[in-house]
N, C-alpha and C. Protein backbone atom coordinates (compact mmCIF):
# COMPACT_ATOMS: atom_id res chain seq x y z
N UNK A 1 -21.20 -18.08 -1.61
CA UNK A 1 -20.13 -17.97 -2.36
C UNK A 1 -18.55 -18.06 -1.28
N UNK A 2 -18.04 -19.23 -1.57
CA UNK A 2 -16.52 -19.31 -0.88
C UNK A 2 -15.71 -18.02 -1.32
N UNK A 3 -15.16 -17.56 -0.49
CA UNK A 3 -13.82 -16.96 -0.64
C UNK A 3 -14.29 -15.63 -1.76
N UNK A 4 -15.13 -14.76 -1.52
CA UNK A 4 -15.28 -13.69 -2.21
C UNK A 4 -14.59 -12.67 -2.77
N UNK A 5 -13.39 -12.50 -1.70
CA UNK A 5 -12.16 -11.63 -1.92
C UNK A 5 -11.36 -12.71 -3.27
N UNK A 6 -11.01 -14.06 -3.46
CA UNK A 6 -10.58 -14.43 -4.45
C UNK A 6 -11.60 -14.40 -5.53
N UNK A 7 -12.69 -14.31 -5.54
CA UNK A 7 -13.62 -14.45 -6.59
C UNK A 7 -13.89 -13.12 -7.10
N UNK A 8 -13.57 -11.61 -6.46
CA UNK A 8 -13.93 -10.66 -7.19
C UNK A 8 -12.71 -9.95 -7.79
N UNK A 9 -11.80 -10.95 -7.10
CA UNK A 9 -10.27 -10.64 -7.65
C UNK A 9 -10.07 -11.17 -9.08
N UNK A 10 -10.62 -12.09 -9.30
CA UNK A 10 -10.50 -12.73 -10.44
C UNK A 10 -11.36 -12.32 -11.36
N UNK A 11 -12.59 -11.68 -11.21
CA UNK A 11 -13.54 -11.06 -12.06
C UNK A 11 -12.83 -9.66 -12.30
N UNK A 12 -12.10 -9.05 -11.25
CA UNK A 12 -11.58 -7.70 -12.04
C UNK A 12 -10.96 -7.81 -13.36
N UNK A 13 -10.41 -8.85 -13.37
CA UNK A 13 -9.56 -9.22 -14.71
C UNK A 13 -10.11 -10.23 -16.03
N UNK A 14 -10.77 -10.96 -15.46
CA UNK A 14 -11.56 -12.16 -16.27
C UNK A 14 -12.83 -12.46 -16.30
N UNK A 15 -13.69 -12.93 -16.91
CA UNK A 15 -14.62 -13.64 -16.74
C UNK A 15 -14.81 -15.16 -16.34
N UNK A 16 -15.57 -15.64 -15.34
CA UNK A 16 -15.40 -17.06 -15.20
C UNK A 16 -16.55 -17.73 -15.74
N UNK A 17 -16.10 -18.85 -16.22
CA UNK A 17 -17.31 -19.84 -17.07
C UNK A 17 -18.15 -20.38 -15.98
N UNK A 18 -19.20 -20.44 -16.25
CA UNK A 18 -20.15 -21.05 -15.19
C UNK A 18 -19.79 -22.57 -14.36
N UNK A 19 -19.81 -22.41 -13.26
CA UNK A 19 -19.29 -23.71 -12.75
C UNK A 19 -18.02 -23.73 -12.44
N UNK A 20 -16.80 -23.11 -13.07
CA UNK A 20 -15.77 -23.55 -12.85
C UNK A 20 -15.02 -22.98 -11.76
N UNK A 21 -15.74 -21.92 -11.07
CA UNK A 21 -15.09 -21.30 -9.83
C UNK A 21 -14.89 -22.50 -8.72
N UNK A 22 -16.01 -22.83 -8.78
CA UNK A 22 -16.31 -23.91 -7.69
C UNK A 22 -15.28 -25.06 -7.72
N UNK A 23 -15.09 -25.53 -9.07
CA UNK A 23 -14.02 -26.38 -9.10
C UNK A 23 -12.63 -25.79 -8.75
N UNK A 24 -12.64 -24.66 -9.26
CA UNK A 24 -11.30 -24.34 -8.74
C UNK A 24 -10.80 -24.14 -7.64
N UNK A 25 -11.87 -23.51 -6.82
CA UNK A 25 -11.46 -23.38 -5.24
C UNK A 25 -11.22 -24.80 -4.48
N UNK A 26 -11.58 -26.04 -5.21
CA UNK A 26 -11.56 -27.16 -4.46
C UNK A 26 -9.69 -27.71 -4.37
N UNK A 27 -8.81 -26.77 -5.08
CA UNK A 27 -7.37 -27.18 -5.06
C UNK A 27 -6.80 -26.24 -4.37
N UNK A 28 -7.27 -25.34 -3.32
CA UNK A 28 -6.95 -24.34 -2.61
C UNK A 28 -7.12 -24.94 -0.99
N UNK A 29 -6.44 -24.54 -0.25
CA UNK A 29 -6.34 -24.93 1.30
C UNK A 29 -6.37 -23.75 1.68
N UNK A 30 -7.30 -23.79 2.97
CA UNK A 30 -7.32 -22.32 4.25
C UNK A 30 -6.42 -22.69 5.05
N UNK A 31 -5.42 -21.61 5.67
CA UNK A 31 -4.52 -21.74 6.69
C UNK A 31 -4.58 -20.40 7.46
N UNK A 32 -4.56 -20.92 8.67
CA UNK A 32 -4.91 -19.56 9.75
C UNK A 32 -3.44 -19.26 10.32
N UNK A 33 -3.11 -17.95 10.21
CA UNK A 33 -1.62 -17.66 10.66
C UNK A 33 -1.78 -16.75 12.03
N UNK A 34 -1.33 -17.10 13.05
CA UNK A 34 -1.14 -16.19 14.16
C UNK A 34 0.07 -14.85 13.80
N UNK A 35 -0.10 -13.72 14.41
CA UNK A 35 0.44 -12.66 14.60
C UNK A 35 2.06 -13.61 14.70
N UNK A 36 3.00 -13.41 13.83
CA UNK A 36 4.34 -13.62 14.16
C UNK A 36 4.76 -15.03 13.38
N UNK A 37 3.51 -15.70 12.89
CA UNK A 37 4.18 -16.96 12.15
C UNK A 37 4.41 -16.94 10.65
N UNK A 38 5.44 -17.55 10.55
CA UNK A 38 5.94 -17.57 9.29
C UNK A 38 5.24 -18.59 8.13
N UNK A 39 4.95 -18.00 6.94
CA UNK A 39 4.74 -18.79 5.99
C UNK A 39 5.78 -19.60 5.21
N UNK A 40 6.74 -18.86 4.98
CA UNK A 40 8.11 -19.45 4.46
C UNK A 40 9.35 -18.41 5.21
N UNK A 41 10.86 -19.06 5.33
CA UNK A 41 11.72 -18.01 5.69
C UNK A 41 12.75 -18.16 4.59
N UNK A 42 13.99 -17.11 4.63
CA UNK A 42 14.92 -16.99 3.94
C UNK A 42 15.66 -18.38 3.80
N UNK A 43 15.99 -18.92 2.74
CA UNK A 43 16.79 -20.40 2.93
C UNK A 43 15.92 -21.40 2.62
N UNK A 44 14.77 -21.16 2.65
CA UNK A 44 13.67 -22.02 1.99
C UNK A 44 13.30 -22.32 0.86
N UNK A 45 12.32 -23.09 0.44
CA UNK A 45 11.72 -23.04 -0.68
C UNK A 45 10.71 -22.68 -0.91
N UNK A 46 9.97 -21.73 -1.60
CA UNK A 46 8.44 -21.08 -1.54
C UNK A 46 7.69 -22.26 -2.00
N UNK A 47 6.99 -22.90 -1.32
CA UNK A 47 6.32 -24.05 -2.24
C UNK A 47 4.86 -24.04 -2.53
N UNK A 48 4.29 -22.57 -2.16
CA UNK A 48 2.90 -22.25 -2.19
C UNK A 48 2.31 -21.04 -2.43
N UNK A 49 2.02 -20.74 -3.42
CA UNK A 49 1.31 -19.21 -3.56
C UNK A 49 0.30 -19.15 -2.67
N UNK A 50 0.12 -17.64 -2.09
CA UNK A 50 -0.43 -17.58 -1.14
C UNK A 50 -1.27 -16.13 -1.53
N UNK A 51 -2.64 -16.51 -1.41
CA UNK A 51 -3.75 -15.14 -1.45
C UNK A 51 -4.27 -14.84 -0.10
N UNK A 52 -4.16 -13.90 0.25
CA UNK A 52 -4.64 -13.30 1.62
C UNK A 52 -6.21 -13.08 1.65
N UNK A 53 -6.96 -13.80 2.33
CA UNK A 53 -8.08 -13.48 2.88
C UNK A 53 -8.53 -12.71 3.79
N UNK A 54 -7.79 -12.60 4.96
CA UNK A 54 -7.80 -11.50 5.85
C UNK A 54 -6.79 -11.28 6.50
N UNK A 55 -6.55 -9.97 7.01
CA UNK A 55 -5.35 -9.86 7.80
C UNK A 55 -4.16 -8.92 7.19
N UNK A 56 -2.77 -9.09 7.72
CA UNK A 56 -1.77 -8.45 6.69
C UNK A 56 -0.52 -9.74 6.78
N UNK A 57 0.01 -9.64 5.68
CA UNK A 57 1.42 -10.53 5.71
C UNK A 57 2.18 -9.45 5.09
N UNK A 58 3.91 -9.71 5.63
CA UNK A 58 5.09 -8.75 5.40
C UNK A 58 5.73 -9.78 4.66
N UNK A 59 6.35 -9.21 3.42
CA UNK A 59 7.39 -10.28 2.59
C UNK A 59 8.61 -9.03 2.98
N UNK A 60 9.61 -10.20 3.16
CA UNK A 60 10.52 -8.87 3.51
C UNK A 60 11.79 -9.71 3.39
N UNK A 61 13.06 -8.82 3.75
CA UNK A 61 14.54 -9.16 3.37
C UNK A 61 14.84 -9.09 5.09
N UNK A 62 16.32 -9.78 5.48
CA UNK A 62 16.78 -9.29 6.69
C UNK A 62 18.32 -9.02 6.23
N UNK A 63 18.63 -7.84 6.68
CA UNK A 63 19.59 -7.07 6.51
C UNK A 63 21.00 -7.84 7.52
N UNK A 64 22.29 -7.54 7.11
CA UNK A 64 23.07 -7.93 7.74
C UNK A 64 23.32 -7.86 9.10
N UNK A 65 22.41 -6.67 9.86
CA UNK A 65 22.14 -6.10 11.40
C UNK A 65 20.95 -6.76 11.82
N UNK A 66 20.55 -7.93 10.78
CA UNK A 66 19.45 -8.62 11.32
C UNK A 66 17.78 -7.93 11.52
N UNK A 67 18.03 -6.61 10.73
CA UNK A 67 16.78 -6.00 10.86
C UNK A 67 16.00 -6.29 9.61
N UNK A 68 14.51 -6.26 9.73
CA UNK A 68 13.78 -6.54 8.42
C UNK A 68 13.30 -5.44 7.75
N UNK A 69 13.78 -5.51 6.48
CA UNK A 69 13.57 -4.54 5.21
C UNK A 69 12.23 -4.95 4.49
N UNK A 70 11.41 -4.29 4.84
CA UNK A 70 10.07 -4.79 4.12
C UNK A 70 9.75 -4.37 2.92
N UNK A 71 9.35 -5.28 1.72
CA UNK A 71 9.31 -5.13 0.24
C UNK A 71 7.97 -4.97 0.34
N UNK A 72 7.17 -5.32 0.70
CA UNK A 72 5.77 -5.39 0.54
C UNK A 72 4.90 -5.81 1.69
N UNK A 73 3.90 -5.32 1.83
CA UNK A 73 2.55 -5.67 2.81
C UNK A 73 1.25 -6.16 2.00
N UNK A 74 0.82 -7.32 2.52
CA UNK A 74 -0.19 -7.88 1.80
C UNK A 74 -1.28 -7.88 2.51
N UNK A 75 -2.62 -7.56 1.92
CA UNK A 75 -3.86 -7.39 2.86
C UNK A 75 -4.60 -8.00 2.10
N UNK A 76 -5.76 -8.26 2.21
CA UNK A 76 -7.07 -8.78 1.79
C UNK A 76 -7.02 -8.59 0.22
N UNK A 77 -7.30 -9.76 -0.52
CA UNK A 77 -7.30 -9.94 -2.07
C UNK A 77 -5.72 -9.92 -2.61
N UNK A 78 -4.70 -9.82 -1.85
CA UNK A 78 -3.30 -9.62 -2.48
C UNK A 78 -2.76 -11.19 -2.32
N UNK A 79 -2.16 -11.34 -3.61
CA UNK A 79 -1.13 -12.61 -3.72
C UNK A 79 0.43 -12.17 -3.13
N UNK A 80 0.61 -13.09 -2.52
CA UNK A 80 2.10 -13.14 -1.91
C UNK A 80 2.85 -14.31 -2.25
N UNK A 81 4.07 -13.85 -1.95
CA UNK A 81 5.16 -15.21 -2.18
C UNK A 81 6.41 -14.95 -3.09
N UNK A 82 7.42 -15.66 -3.17
CA UNK A 82 8.44 -15.66 -3.92
C UNK A 82 7.96 -16.25 -5.08
N UNK A 83 8.04 -15.75 -6.56
CA UNK A 83 7.19 -16.41 -7.45
C UNK A 83 8.62 -16.91 -8.34
N UNK A 84 9.81 -16.42 -8.41
CA UNK A 84 11.13 -17.45 -8.55
C UNK A 84 11.19 -18.80 -8.05
N UNK A 85 11.07 -18.66 -6.50
CA UNK A 85 11.48 -19.85 -5.70
C UNK A 85 10.08 -20.77 -5.84
N UNK A 86 8.71 -20.06 -6.20
CA UNK A 86 7.63 -21.26 -6.36
C UNK A 86 7.65 -21.86 -7.59
N UNK A 87 7.98 -21.30 -8.44
CA UNK A 87 7.93 -21.75 -10.16
C UNK A 87 9.26 -22.30 -10.60
N UNK A 88 10.50 -22.09 -9.87
CA UNK A 88 11.58 -22.82 -10.46
C UNK A 88 12.49 -23.48 -9.39
N UNK A 89 11.58 -23.60 -8.04
CA UNK A 89 12.02 -24.41 -6.91
C UNK A 89 13.67 -24.14 -6.19
N UNK A 90 13.87 -22.76 -6.50
CA UNK A 90 15.13 -22.04 -5.74
C UNK A 90 15.04 -21.64 -4.61
N UNK A 91 16.03 -21.63 -3.86
CA UNK A 91 15.74 -21.08 -2.20
C UNK A 91 15.47 -19.68 -2.34
N UNK A 92 14.47 -19.48 -1.22
CA UNK A 92 14.32 -17.98 -1.12
C UNK A 92 15.14 -17.00 -0.46
N UNK A 93 15.37 -15.70 -0.83
CA UNK A 93 15.95 -14.82 0.05
C UNK A 93 15.15 -14.03 0.91
N UNK A 94 14.04 -14.38 0.62
CA UNK A 94 12.79 -13.60 1.38
C UNK A 94 12.14 -14.49 2.77
N UNK A 95 11.26 -13.66 3.20
CA UNK A 95 10.81 -14.20 4.23
C UNK A 95 9.05 -13.56 4.11
N UNK A 96 8.02 -14.56 4.84
CA UNK A 96 6.87 -14.25 4.62
C UNK A 96 6.14 -14.42 5.51
N UNK A 97 5.67 -13.48 6.72
CA UNK A 97 5.17 -13.25 7.90
C UNK A 97 4.10 -12.85 8.26
N UNK A 98 3.21 -13.48 8.93
CA UNK A 98 2.26 -12.54 9.71
C UNK A 98 2.08 -11.66 10.41
N UNK A 99 1.44 -10.06 10.03
CA UNK A 99 2.12 -8.84 10.98
C UNK A 99 0.99 -9.05 11.58
N UNK A 100 -0.50 -9.59 11.34
CA UNK A 100 -1.65 -9.79 12.39
C UNK A 100 -2.17 -10.99 12.16
N UNK A 101 -3.15 -11.44 13.02
CA UNK A 101 -3.82 -12.64 12.52
C UNK A 101 -4.23 -12.69 11.26
N UNK A 102 -4.01 -13.59 10.33
CA UNK A 102 -4.25 -13.65 9.30
C UNK A 102 -5.13 -15.19 8.67
N UNK A 103 -5.98 -14.96 7.76
CA UNK A 103 -6.36 -16.00 6.99
C UNK A 103 -6.13 -16.38 5.74
N UNK A 104 -5.38 -17.28 5.19
CA UNK A 104 -4.92 -17.37 3.71
C UNK A 104 -5.10 -18.18 2.84
N UNK A 105 -5.63 -18.47 1.45
CA UNK A 105 -5.55 -19.67 0.93
C UNK A 105 -4.46 -19.63 0.29
N UNK A 106 -3.82 -21.06 0.43
CA UNK A 106 -2.29 -21.79 -0.45
C UNK A 106 -2.84 -22.83 -1.61
N UNK A 107 -2.07 -22.37 -2.60
CA UNK A 107 -2.01 -23.62 -3.76
C UNK A 107 -0.78 -23.87 -3.93
N UNK A 108 -0.26 -25.50 -4.03
CA UNK A 108 1.00 -25.97 -4.06
C UNK A 108 1.63 -25.51 -5.68
N UNK A 109 2.96 -25.53 -5.81
CA UNK A 109 3.37 -25.10 -7.13
C UNK A 109 2.92 -25.98 -7.79
N UNK A 110 2.99 -27.31 -7.69
CA UNK A 110 2.38 -28.03 -9.00
C UNK A 110 1.24 -28.28 -9.40
N UNK A 111 0.33 -28.03 -8.37
CA UNK A 111 -0.98 -27.74 -8.59
C UNK A 111 -1.46 -26.45 -9.54
N UNK A 112 -0.44 -25.46 -8.72
CA UNK A 112 -0.67 -24.04 -9.71
C UNK A 112 -0.85 -24.35 -11.39
N UNK A 113 0.48 -25.30 -11.57
CA UNK A 113 0.75 -25.42 -12.83
C UNK A 113 -0.51 -26.21 -13.58
N UNK A 114 -0.77 -27.04 -13.33
CA UNK A 114 -1.97 -27.94 -13.60
C UNK A 114 -2.96 -27.05 -13.89
N UNK A 115 -3.25 -26.16 -12.81
CA UNK A 115 -4.58 -25.58 -12.74
C UNK A 115 -4.28 -24.58 -14.03
N UNK A 116 -3.39 -23.86 -14.25
CA UNK A 116 -3.13 -22.84 -15.51
C UNK A 116 -3.72 -23.86 -16.67
N UNK A 117 -3.49 -25.07 -16.78
CA UNK A 117 -3.52 -25.70 -18.03
C UNK A 117 -4.95 -26.07 -17.94
N UNK A 118 -5.54 -26.03 -16.86
CA UNK A 118 -7.06 -26.53 -16.94
C UNK A 118 -7.90 -25.53 -17.47
N UNK A 119 -7.50 -24.53 -16.71
CA UNK A 119 -8.42 -23.25 -16.61
C UNK A 119 -7.58 -22.07 -17.37
N UNK A 120 -7.69 -21.80 -18.55
CA UNK A 120 -7.13 -20.86 -19.40
C UNK A 120 -7.43 -19.25 -18.77
N UNK A 121 -8.87 -18.98 -18.09
CA UNK A 121 -9.10 -17.92 -17.67
C UNK A 121 -8.42 -17.89 -16.29
N UNK A 122 -8.02 -18.72 -15.59
CA UNK A 122 -7.20 -18.48 -14.42
C UNK A 122 -5.73 -18.40 -14.71
N UNK A 123 -5.28 -18.59 -15.73
CA UNK A 123 -3.80 -18.13 -16.47
C UNK A 123 -4.44 -16.67 -16.82
N UNK A 124 -5.04 -16.04 -17.56
CA UNK A 124 -5.34 -15.05 -18.11
C UNK A 124 -5.35 -14.08 -16.84
N UNK A 125 -6.16 -14.41 -15.65
CA UNK A 125 -6.23 -13.76 -14.36
C UNK A 125 -4.87 -13.44 -14.13
N UNK A 126 -3.99 -14.23 -13.54
CA UNK A 126 -2.83 -14.32 -13.47
C UNK A 126 -1.73 -12.98 -14.03
N UNK A 127 -2.13 -13.37 -15.43
CA UNK A 127 -1.01 -12.59 -16.28
C UNK A 127 -1.44 -10.85 -15.94
N UNK A 128 -2.74 -10.83 -15.72
CA UNK A 128 -3.09 -9.20 -15.60
C UNK A 128 -3.01 -9.28 -14.23
N UNK A 129 -3.09 -9.81 -13.45
CA UNK A 129 -2.72 -9.70 -12.14
C UNK A 129 -1.15 -9.12 -12.02
N UNK A 130 -0.30 -10.27 -12.53
CA UNK A 130 1.05 -9.76 -12.32
C UNK A 130 1.30 -8.55 -12.82
N UNK A 131 0.59 -8.34 -13.62
CA UNK A 131 1.12 -6.84 -14.69
C UNK A 131 0.77 -5.50 -13.74
N UNK A 132 -0.30 -5.94 -12.90
CA UNK A 132 -0.75 -4.85 -12.16
C UNK A 132 0.22 -4.73 -10.81
N UNK A 133 0.59 -5.95 -10.22
CA UNK A 133 1.64 -6.34 -9.50
C UNK A 133 3.07 -5.50 -9.64
N UNK A 134 3.17 -5.60 -11.12
CA UNK A 134 4.72 -5.16 -11.47
C UNK A 134 4.54 -3.46 -11.42
N UNK A 135 3.35 -3.32 -12.04
CA UNK A 135 3.22 -1.72 -12.01
C UNK A 135 3.26 -1.11 -10.69
N UNK A 136 2.62 -1.74 -9.73
CA UNK A 136 2.54 -1.33 -8.27
C UNK A 136 4.07 -1.21 -7.94
N UNK A 137 4.88 -2.53 -8.05
CA UNK A 137 6.39 -2.21 -7.56
C UNK A 137 7.13 -1.17 -8.18
N UNK A 138 6.71 -1.11 -9.44
CA UNK A 138 7.49 -0.21 -10.23
C UNK A 138 7.43 1.38 -9.57
N UNK A 139 6.24 1.82 -9.06
CA UNK A 139 5.56 2.68 -8.32
C UNK A 139 6.33 3.15 -7.11
N UNK A 140 5.99 1.74 -6.37
CA UNK A 140 6.77 1.68 -4.72
C UNK A 140 8.32 2.35 -5.07
N UNK A 141 8.83 1.51 -5.96
CA UNK A 141 10.40 1.83 -6.11
C UNK A 141 10.69 3.40 -6.87
N UNK A 142 10.00 3.84 -7.41
CA UNK A 142 9.99 5.33 -7.95
C UNK A 142 9.87 6.06 -6.52
N UNK A 143 8.64 6.01 -6.01
CA UNK A 143 8.33 6.71 -4.60
C UNK A 143 9.70 6.47 -3.90
N UNK A 144 10.27 5.55 -3.47
CA UNK A 144 11.17 4.95 -2.41
C UNK A 144 12.29 5.78 -3.26
N UNK A 145 12.70 6.15 -4.30
CA UNK A 145 13.82 6.76 -4.74
C UNK A 145 13.77 7.89 -5.05
N UNK A 146 12.38 8.76 -5.21
CA UNK A 146 12.43 10.02 -5.66
C UNK A 146 11.45 11.15 -4.80
N UNK A 147 10.75 10.18 -3.83
CA UNK A 147 10.01 10.82 -3.02
C UNK A 147 10.23 10.99 -1.15
N UNK A 148 10.30 12.31 -0.79
CA UNK A 148 10.40 12.46 0.62
C UNK A 148 9.41 11.39 1.51
N UNK A 149 9.74 11.35 2.86
CA UNK A 149 8.78 10.57 3.43
C UNK A 149 7.73 10.74 3.72
N UNK A 150 7.14 12.40 3.98
CA UNK A 150 5.89 12.92 3.84
C UNK A 150 5.01 12.68 2.48
N UNK A 151 5.69 12.12 1.68
CA UNK A 151 5.06 12.14 0.55
C UNK A 151 4.74 10.51 0.34
N UNK A 152 5.20 9.76 0.42
CA UNK A 152 5.15 8.27 0.92
C UNK A 152 4.22 7.88 1.76
N UNK A 153 4.51 8.48 2.51
CA UNK A 153 3.12 8.36 3.82
C UNK A 153 1.96 8.70 3.45
N UNK A 154 2.08 10.03 2.88
CA UNK A 154 0.71 10.36 2.54
C UNK A 154 -0.10 9.67 1.38
N UNK A 155 1.10 9.08 0.36
CA UNK A 155 0.48 8.20 -0.79
C UNK A 155 0.12 6.62 -0.08
N UNK A 156 0.66 6.35 0.92
CA UNK A 156 0.19 5.29 1.66
C UNK A 156 -1.19 5.36 2.38
N UNK A 157 -1.34 6.46 2.82
CA UNK A 157 -2.58 6.64 3.50
C UNK A 157 -3.67 6.71 2.63
N UNK A 158 -3.57 7.25 1.53
CA UNK A 158 -4.72 7.39 0.58
C UNK A 158 -4.73 5.66 -0.29
N UNK A 159 -3.67 5.22 -0.46
CA UNK A 159 -3.80 3.86 -1.41
C UNK A 159 -4.02 2.78 -0.78
N UNK A 160 -3.28 2.87 0.50
CA UNK A 160 -3.61 1.38 1.42
C UNK A 160 -4.18 1.46 2.72
N UNK A 161 -5.22 2.38 3.16
CA UNK A 161 -5.46 2.74 4.35
C UNK A 161 -5.46 1.67 5.41
N UNK A 162 -6.07 0.66 4.89
CA UNK A 162 -5.97 -0.76 5.68
C UNK A 162 -4.63 -1.19 6.27
N UNK A 163 -3.84 -0.94 5.81
CA UNK A 163 -2.53 -1.42 6.42
C UNK A 163 -2.28 -0.46 7.79
N UNK A 164 -2.65 0.66 8.21
CA UNK A 164 -2.60 1.54 9.19
C UNK A 164 -3.40 0.80 10.38
N UNK A 165 -4.47 0.00 10.26
CA UNK A 165 -5.19 -0.98 11.10
C UNK A 165 -4.66 -2.48 11.13
N UNK A 166 -3.81 -2.94 10.32
CA UNK A 166 -3.27 -3.97 10.44
C UNK A 166 -2.14 -4.37 11.07
N UNK A 167 -0.90 -3.58 10.64
CA UNK A 167 0.38 -3.85 10.81
C UNK A 167 0.98 -2.79 11.49
N UNK A 168 2.00 -3.20 12.41
CA UNK A 168 2.52 -2.60 13.34
C UNK A 168 3.24 -1.53 12.89
N UNK A 169 3.31 0.03 13.54
CA UNK A 169 4.32 0.84 12.91
C UNK A 169 5.45 0.60 12.50
N UNK A 170 6.25 0.08 13.25
CA UNK A 170 7.34 -0.49 13.03
C UNK A 170 7.74 -1.01 11.38
N UNK A 171 6.79 -1.84 11.40
CA UNK A 171 6.54 -2.60 9.88
C UNK A 171 6.38 -1.50 8.69
N UNK A 172 5.21 -0.65 9.09
CA UNK A 172 4.86 0.68 8.31
C UNK A 172 6.25 1.34 8.19
N UNK A 173 7.06 1.64 8.61
CA UNK A 173 8.15 2.43 8.86
C UNK A 173 8.95 1.84 7.89
N UNK A 174 9.56 0.42 8.03
CA UNK A 174 10.17 -0.43 7.34
C UNK A 174 9.84 -0.42 5.99
N UNK A 175 8.60 -0.43 5.37
CA UNK A 175 8.14 -0.72 4.40
C UNK A 175 8.38 0.99 3.73
N UNK A 176 7.95 2.14 4.38
CA UNK A 176 8.14 3.32 3.81
C UNK A 176 9.72 3.72 3.87
N UNK A 177 10.58 2.85 4.27
CA UNK A 177 12.16 3.09 4.17
C UNK A 177 12.56 4.22 5.31
N UNK A 178 11.83 4.52 6.40
CA UNK A 178 12.51 5.24 7.37
C UNK A 178 12.30 4.42 8.90
N UNK A 179 12.77 5.27 9.68
CA UNK A 179 13.12 4.76 10.97
C UNK A 179 11.57 4.63 11.76
N UNK A 180 11.17 4.08 12.53
CA UNK A 180 10.26 4.23 13.29
C UNK A 180 9.96 5.44 14.16
N UNK A 181 11.09 6.20 14.59
CA UNK A 181 11.24 7.39 15.39
C UNK A 181 10.87 8.42 14.66
N UNK A 182 11.33 8.25 12.82
CA UNK A 182 10.92 9.15 11.82
C UNK A 182 9.69 9.34 11.46
N UNK A 183 9.00 8.28 11.59
CA UNK A 183 7.39 7.95 11.62
C UNK A 183 6.63 8.15 12.44
N UNK A 184 6.99 8.37 13.64
CA UNK A 184 6.57 8.95 14.62
C UNK A 184 6.38 10.58 14.73
N UNK A 185 7.54 11.17 14.41
CA UNK A 185 7.74 12.47 14.41
C UNK A 185 6.90 13.13 13.17
N UNK A 186 6.90 12.24 12.16
CA UNK A 186 6.09 12.60 10.81
C UNK A 186 4.57 12.60 11.14
N UNK A 187 4.17 11.82 11.81
CA UNK A 187 2.84 11.78 12.17
C UNK A 187 2.31 12.88 13.06
N UNK A 188 3.14 13.07 13.93
CA UNK A 188 2.76 14.28 14.72
C UNK A 188 2.88 15.21 14.26
N UNK A 189 3.79 15.76 13.33
CA UNK A 189 4.03 16.84 12.56
C UNK A 189 2.58 17.02 11.53
N UNK A 190 2.30 15.98 10.68
CA UNK A 190 1.12 15.90 10.32
C UNK A 190 -0.18 15.95 11.00
N UNK A 191 -0.30 15.55 11.92
CA UNK A 191 -1.63 15.80 12.88
C UNK A 191 -1.65 17.24 13.43
N UNK A 192 -0.42 17.91 13.52
CA UNK A 192 -0.68 19.18 13.84
C UNK A 192 -1.02 20.25 12.95
N UNK A 193 -0.42 19.73 11.89
CA UNK A 193 -1.21 20.43 10.29
C UNK A 193 -2.50 20.53 10.30
N UNK A 194 -3.00 19.27 10.68
CA UNK A 194 -4.37 19.38 10.44
C UNK A 194 -5.16 19.99 11.23
N UNK A 195 -4.80 20.25 12.67
CA UNK A 195 -5.21 20.97 13.48
C UNK A 195 -5.74 22.42 13.36
């Protein structure tokens, strides 16, 4: 079976009618990104939905000082992109960049609309996947506002351990809302606690 990560992601939320998965995947394109390659940049229109097959992508803003402020890190099985830009054709304020060598599936925005009409189960999948994404985003925001760096770091180790293998520490620090130096000190402190 092609793209088991996508297949399993869909099955997590809905049943796939016999033979329709093979038809569905024909609308996707595989793209390989090297570390540092952009899928889209701030000021452009996000024209494709992105499903991560392998690797790690960073979804971020650039602040007025030119620093990347990471909003999300996507690994295998995650959808990434600017949904407002994708579905409404507006200019994105975000960037999407590979932070490690990555393979992605892309689907053009116009095709995505047609796919939702042709495969109601795929629309059902996206609806519930989006609800999960919203829940995850709310949790991230709550953690960012109310938890200390150590709590955020330990939660990330429990919930997303693969990120530590794929993303550079400065991206992880940005995602956690701390400086790379603070992350380094935190890791040393926690290592001493474990000993």
